[in-house]
Amino acid sequence: MTRLCEGRVAIVTGAARGVGREHALLLAKHGAKVVVNDLGAAVDGTGADRSFAQQVADEIEADKGEAIVNGDDVSDFDGAKNLIDQAINTYGKLDILVNNAGILRDRMLVNMTEEEWDAVIAVHLKGTFAPSRHAAAYWRAMSKEKDAPVSGRIINTSSTSGIYGNVGQTNYGAAKAGIAAFTIIAARELGRFGVTVNAISPSAYTRMTDNLREYTEEEIAVRAPRWVAPTVVYLASDEAQDITGRVIQAGAGMVAVCEGWRRGAQIEAMDDPVALGPKLREMVGQVRRNSGMDGFELD
């Protein structure tokens, strides 16, 4: 088997279960040394149990790979730095950062509490920013030291809830939409150092999606988290140096490159809102409708 990430060092956050676990296992199978980061919290972010992350590391080592466990909170700026430093101090370098950690606190907007909003934004959005910021600083320094680009990879985790929208998830969706925008901007900033930044939007059956609706056995099989990991491993490899700033949907029987916001119908500016109204309404009727959760235009 061709090993796409031979000798590379990867961090996977939220790697103890679900999609993150599959990322860690497949990266290791393709030759990466993996830092398995996870607090071992419940779906809502409460509690902690590092044994789940240790099980993943043990599984990698049983398959003759290399892995260590990290229990830092990625939404804590100093904790995120410790995570990056642990990878570098243990393995001598860092090549890949997969930002996957996340929690759910679903609630309709009219009932959502400030704490439910803050907790989700912190883990997803700040938990993507903080490790990325410290990894980016490391790669910039390495690029200057070598006087040449590095081959760094940041792979973030967005969601159909963020790029398409899902009722009951204003906090989660806002964070995931923010991650998509973060990905595009960071890709533009870090390209000169040789760092690519992409995001995946996983379609997978995990403990985080189990309570969203009823799933058939066939749906559970086709939505197994293992179908998401191959996209991440390819993006993490040297072969993907020319792919950056993209959001890629993976799982549920497909892989798709998502298209972002684009300017649609347009007119010259008008200073009269009364006159503008009919023109605006006309333009709304000319452009494509927003997508549903399946990624296709709503009827």
Protein backbone atom coordinates (compact mmCIF):
# COMPACT_ATOMS: atom_id res chain seq x y z
CA MET A 1 0.00 0.00 0.00
CA THR A 2 1.22 3.50 -0.85
CA ARG A 3 1.60 5.40 2.43
CA LEU A 4 0.69 9.02 1.75
CA CYS A 5 1.89 10.47 5.06
CA GLU A 6 5.05 8.46 5.70
CA GLY A 7 7.20 10.17 8.34
CA ARG A 8 4.82 13.10 8.82
CA VAL A 9 3.64 14.23 12.26
CA ALA A 10 -0.06 14.88 12.77
CA ILE A 11 -2.26 16.28 15.51
CA VAL A 12 -5.93 15.30 15.50
CA THR A 13 -8.17 17.08 17.98
CA GLY A 14 -11.30 15.37 19.20
CA ALA A 15 -9.67 12.12 18.11
CA ALA A 16 -11.01 9.68 20.70
CA ARG A 17 -14.27 8.77 18.99
CA GLY A 18 -16.30 9.15 15.82
CA VAL A 19 -14.84 10.97 12.85
CA GLY A 20 -11.69 12.09 14.71
CA ARG A 21 -10.84 8.54 15.69
CA GLU A 22 -11.02 7.44 12.05
CA HIS A 23 -8.78 10.34 11.01
CA ALA A 24 -6.16 9.34 13.58
CA LEU A 25 -6.25 5.64 12.66
CA LEU A 26 -6.01 6.20 8.90
CA LEU A 27 -3.28 8.83 9.22
CA ALA A 28 -1.27 6.35 11.28
CA LYS A 29 -1.94 3.58 8.75
CA HIS A 30 -0.47 5.89 6.10
CA GLY A 31 2.71 6.41 8.10
CA ALA A 32 1.99 9.49 10.22
CA LYS A 33 3.00 9.79 13.86
CA VAL A 34 -0.18 10.93 15.59
CA VAL A 35 -0.95 13.08 18.62
CA VAL A 36 -4.38 11.93 19.78
CA ASN A 37 -5.98 14.95 21.45
CA ASP A 38 -9.25 14.59 23.34
CA LEU A 39 -10.73 15.58 26.69
CA GLY A 40 -13.03 12.58 26.64
CA ALA A 41 -16.05 14.77 27.34
CA ALA A 42 -19.72 14.02 26.74
CA VAL A 43 -21.44 15.32 23.60
CA ASP A 44 -22.37 18.54 25.43
CA GLY A 45 -18.77 19.10 26.50
CA THR A 46 -19.13 18.14 30.15
CA GLY A 47 -16.86 15.69 31.95
CA ALA A 48 -13.50 14.26 30.97
CA ASP A 49 -12.06 10.80 30.43
CA ARG A 50 -8.68 10.37 28.74
CA SER A 51 -9.09 6.61 28.49
CA PHE A 52 -10.93 6.95 25.17
CA ALA A 53 -7.97 8.78 23.61
CA GLN A 54 -5.60 6.23 25.11
CA GLN A 55 -7.57 3.44 23.45
CA VAL A 56 -6.99 5.06 20.05
CA ALA A 57 -3.27 5.48 20.73
CA ASP A 58 -3.08 1.85 21.88
CA GLU A 59 -4.84 0.72 18.71
CA ILE A 60 -2.35 2.65 16.56
CA GLU A 61 0.60 1.17 18.42
CA ALA A 62 -0.87 -2.33 18.18
CA ASP A 63 -0.84 -1.82 14.41
CA LYS A 64 2.89 -0.90 14.64
CA GLY A 65 2.27 2.84 14.40
CA GLU A 66 3.35 5.68 16.69
CA ALA A 67 0.97 7.75 18.80
CA ILE A 68 0.79 9.74 22.01
CA VAL A 69 -2.16 11.15 23.95
CA ASN A 70 -2.83 14.80 24.74
CA GLY A 71 -5.65 15.99 26.97
CA ASP A 72 -5.38 19.76 26.56
CA ASP A 73 -8.47 21.91 26.02
CA VAL A 74 -8.11 23.33 22.49
CA SER A 75 -10.37 26.27 23.32
CA ASP A 76 -7.76 27.42 25.85
CA PHE A 77 -5.02 29.47 24.18
CA ASP A 78 -2.24 28.18 26.41
CA GLY A 79 -3.58 24.63 26.26
CA ALA A 80 -3.52 24.78 22.47
CA LYS A 81 0.09 25.94 22.54
CA ASN A 82 0.99 23.05 24.83
CA LEU A 83 -0.62 20.68 22.32
CA ILE A 84 1.49 22.03 19.45
CA ASP A 85 4.62 22.04 21.60
CA GLN A 86 4.07 18.44 22.72
CA ALA A 87 3.98 17.24 19.12
CA ILE A 88 7.17 19.13 18.25
CA ASN A 89 9.02 18.14 21.43
CA THR A 90 8.06 14.47 21.07
CA TYR A 91 8.54 13.95 17.35
CA GLY A 92 10.81 16.85 16.38
CA LYS A 93 8.38 18.60 14.08
CA LEU A 94 4.73 19.16 13.11
CA ASP A 95 3.34 18.70 9.61
CA ILE A 96 -0.43 18.26 9.98
CA LEU A 97 -3.11 19.77 12.21
CA VAL A 98 -6.62 18.35 11.97
CA ASN A 99 -9.06 20.52 13.93
CA ASN A 100 -11.95 18.20 14.70
CA ALA A 101 -12.95 18.78 18.34
CA GLY A 102 -16.57 19.76 18.87
CA ILE A 103 -19.63 19.65 21.11
CA LEU A 104 -23.37 20.18 20.73
CA ARG A 105 -25.77 22.33 22.74
CA ASP A 106 -28.75 22.35 20.35
CA ARG A 107 -31.62 24.69 21.14
CA MET A 108 -34.06 26.86 19.23
CA LEU A 109 -32.89 30.47 19.16
CA VAL A 110 -35.72 31.81 21.32
CA ASN A 111 -34.72 29.41 24.12
CA MET A 112 -30.93 29.32 23.76
CA THR A 113 -28.95 30.45 26.78
CA GLU A 114 -25.81 32.56 26.71
CA GLU A 115 -23.85 29.63 28.14
CA GLU A 116 -25.08 27.29 25.40
CA TRP A 117 -23.97 29.81 22.79
CA ASP A 118 -20.59 30.54 24.38
CA ALA A 119 -19.68 26.89 24.99
CA VAL A 120 -20.25 25.83 21.38
CA ILE A 121 -18.52 28.86 19.89
CA ALA A 122 -15.55 28.33 22.20
CA VAL A 123 -14.92 24.67 21.38
CA HIS A 124 -15.55 24.87 17.64
CA LEU A 125 -14.42 28.33 16.60
CA LYS A 126 -11.79 29.23 19.20
CA GLY A 127 -10.80 25.56 19.29
CA THR A 128 -9.96 25.88 15.60
CA PHE A 129 -8.26 29.27 15.90
CA ALA A 130 -6.01 28.56 18.90
CA PRO A 131 -4.19 25.42 17.66
CA SER A 132 -4.02 26.87 14.13
CA ARG A 133 -2.51 30.09 15.39
CA HIS A 134 0.30 28.31 17.25
CA ALA A 135 0.92 25.85 14.41
CA ALA A 136 1.04 28.73 11.91
CA ALA A 137 3.62 30.56 14.02
CA TYR A 138 5.76 27.41 14.09
CA TRP A 139 5.55 26.94 10.32
CA ARG A 140 6.33 30.59 9.64
CA ALA A 141 9.46 30.33 11.79
CA MET A 142 10.47 27.10 10.05
CA SER A 143 9.96 28.69 6.63
CA LYS A 144 12.16 31.63 7.57
CA GLU A 145 14.80 29.32 9.05
CA LYS A 146 14.90 27.17 5.91
CA ASP A 147 14.40 30.17 3.62
CA ALA A 148 11.93 27.94 1.78
CA PRO A 149 8.27 26.95 2.04
CA VAL A 150 7.28 24.15 4.39
CA SER A 151 4.64 21.52 3.69
CA GLY A 152 2.23 22.30 6.52
CA ARG A 153 -1.39 21.25 6.56
CA ILE A 154 -4.38 22.59 8.47
CA ILE A 155 -7.59 20.64 7.95
CA ASN A 156 -10.61 22.09 9.72
CA THR A 157 -14.05 20.65 10.34
CA SER A 158 -17.07 22.58 9.10
CA SER A 159 -20.58 21.14 8.78
CA THR A 160 -23.65 21.11 6.56
CA SER A 161 -25.31 22.97 9.42
CA GLY A 162 -22.84 25.81 8.88
CA ILE A 163 -22.62 25.94 5.10
CA TYR A 164 -26.28 25.11 4.38
CA GLY A 165 -28.12 25.76 7.67
CA ASN A 166 -30.04 23.55 10.10
CA VAL A 167 -32.91 24.48 12.40
CA GLY A 168 -32.08 24.35 16.10
CA GLN A 169 -28.36 24.92 15.64
CA THR A 170 -27.75 28.66 15.43
CA ASN A 171 -24.75 28.30 17.77
CA TYR A 172 -23.26 25.24 16.10
CA GLY A 173 -24.06 26.45 12.57
CA ALA A 174 -22.60 29.90 13.21
CA ALA A 175 -19.39 28.32 14.50
CA LYS A 176 -19.15 25.97 11.52
CA ALA A 177 -19.84 28.77 9.03
CA GLY A 178 -17.14 30.76 10.79
CA ILE A 179 -14.75 27.85 10.37
CA ALA A 180 -15.45 27.78 6.63
CA ALA A 181 -14.62 31.50 6.37
CA PHE A 182 -11.59 31.04 8.63
CA THR A 183 -10.37 28.33 6.28
CA ILE A 184 -10.56 30.53 3.18
CA ILE A 185 -8.83 33.48 4.84
CA ALA A 186 -6.12 31.44 6.56
CA ALA A 187 -5.36 29.70 3.27
CA ARG A 188 -4.67 33.08 1.67
CA GLU A 189 -2.49 34.19 4.57
CA LEU A 190 -0.41 31.05 5.02
CA GLY A 191 0.14 30.05 1.39
CA ARG A 192 3.40 31.98 1.17
CA PHE A 193 4.85 29.74 3.89
CA GLY A 194 3.82 26.57 2.03
CA VAL A 195 0.90 25.83 4.35
CA THR A 196 -2.44 24.71 2.90
CA VAL A 197 -5.70 25.18 4.78
CA ASN A 198 -8.82 23.24 3.88
CA ALA A 199 -12.00 22.17 5.64
CA ILE A 200 -14.17 19.11 5.45
CA SER A 201 -17.90 18.94 6.04
CA PRO A 202 -18.41 15.38 7.32
CA SER A 203 -21.61 13.47 6.70
CA ALA A 204 -21.32 10.69 9.26
CA TYR A 205 -23.33 8.78 11.82
CA THR A 206 -21.72 9.43 15.22
CA ARG A 207 -22.85 10.12 18.77
CA MET A 208 -23.15 13.80 17.78
CA THR A 209 -25.65 13.07 15.00
CA ASP A 210 -27.46 10.13 16.61
CA ASN A 211 -30.21 12.29 18.13
CA LEU A 212 -30.86 14.48 15.07
CA ARG A 213 -33.26 11.99 13.47
CA GLU A 214 -33.94 8.29 13.00
CA TYR A 215 -31.48 6.42 10.76
CA THR A 216 -31.97 3.14 8.92
CA GLU A 217 -29.33 0.41 9.13
CA GLU A 218 -28.39 1.14 5.52
CA GLU A 219 -27.92 4.85 6.31
CA ILE A 220 -25.79 4.04 9.33
CA ALA A 221 -23.54 1.84 7.17
CA VAL A 222 -23.10 4.39 4.39
CA ARG A 223 -22.56 7.14 6.97
CA ALA A 224 -19.85 5.26 8.87
CA PRO A 225 -17.15 7.76 9.95
CA ARG A 226 -14.45 5.79 8.14
CA TRP A 227 -15.73 7.13 4.80
CA VAL A 228 -14.70 10.68 5.81
CA ALA A 229 -11.08 9.95 6.73
CA PRO A 230 -9.65 9.24 3.22
CA THR A 231 -10.29 12.84 2.16
CA VAL A 232 -8.47 14.12 5.24
CA VAL A 233 -5.49 11.82 4.70
CA TYR A 234 -5.10 12.89 1.08
CA LEU A 235 -5.33 16.58 1.99
CA ALA A 236 -2.70 15.94 4.68
CA SER A 237 -0.23 14.48 2.19
CA ASP A 238 2.49 16.17 0.16
CA GLU A 239 0.49 15.36 -2.95
CA ALA A 240 -2.19 17.91 -1.99
CA GLN A 241 0.14 20.93 -1.95
CA ASP A 242 -1.90 22.67 -4.67
CA ILE A 243 -5.30 22.27 -2.96
CA THR A 244 -6.09 25.02 -0.47
CA GLY A 245 -8.94 27.23 0.70
CA ARG A 246 -11.56 24.59 -0.10
CA VAL A 247 -14.49 23.14 1.83
CA ILE A 248 -15.04 19.51 0.88
CA GLN A 249 -18.08 17.48 1.85
CA ALA A 250 -17.26 13.83 2.57
CA GLY A 251 -19.28 10.83 3.71
CA ALA A 252 -22.77 9.43 3.10
CA GLY A 253 -21.63 7.84 -0.12
CA MET A 254 -19.95 10.82 -1.76
CA VAL A 255 -17.16 13.38 -1.83
CA ALA A 256 -18.05 16.86 -3.11
CA VAL A 257 -16.22 20.17 -3.44
CA CYS A 258 -18.50 22.89 -2.10
CA GLU A 259 -18.95 26.23 -3.80
CA GLY A 260 -18.92 29.36 -1.66
CA TRP A 261 -20.84 32.62 -1.74
CA ARG A 262 -20.84 34.31 -5.15
CA ARG A 263 -22.22 37.66 -6.26
CA GLY A 264 -25.51 37.17 -8.06
CA ALA A 265 -27.92 39.63 -9.73
CA GLN A 266 -26.85 43.25 -9.47
CA ILE A 267 -28.06 46.79 -10.23
CA GLU A 268 -26.62 50.26 -9.76
CA ALA A 269 -27.01 51.79 -6.30
CA MET A 270 -30.27 53.70 -5.63
CA ASP A 271 -30.93 56.30 -2.96
CA ASP A 272 -34.71 55.78 -2.84
CA PRO A 273 -35.76 52.67 -0.83
CA VAL A 274 -39.26 52.82 -2.34
CA ALA A 275 -37.84 52.54 -5.85
CA LEU A 276 -35.22 50.05 -4.73
CA GLY A 277 -37.74 47.61 -3.25
CA PRO A 278 -39.20 46.24 -6.52
CA LYS A 279 -35.72 45.97 -8.03
CA LEU A 280 -34.44 44.06 -5.00
CA ARG A 281 -37.43 41.74 -5.13
CA GLU A 282 -36.77 41.15 -8.83
CA MET A 283 -33.14 40.27 -8.16
CA VAL A 284 -34.06 37.85 -5.39
CA GLY A 285 -36.23 36.03 -7.90
CA GLN A 286 -33.38 35.81 -10.40
CA VAL A 287 -30.77 34.09 -8.25
CA ARG A 288 -30.54 30.55 -6.96
CA ARG A 289 -32.31 29.78 -3.70
CA ASN A 290 -30.29 28.81 -0.65
CA SER A 291 -29.37 25.15 -0.34
CA GLY A 292 -31.11 22.68 1.90
CA MET A 293 -29.19 20.30 4.20
CA ASP A 294 -28.59 18.02 1.21
CA GLY A 295 -26.59 20.77 -0.50
CA PHE A 296 -29.08 21.26 -3.29
CA GLU A 297 -31.28 24.29 -4.01
CA LEU A 298 -34.47 24.39 -1.99
CA ASP A 299 -37.72 24.01 -3.93
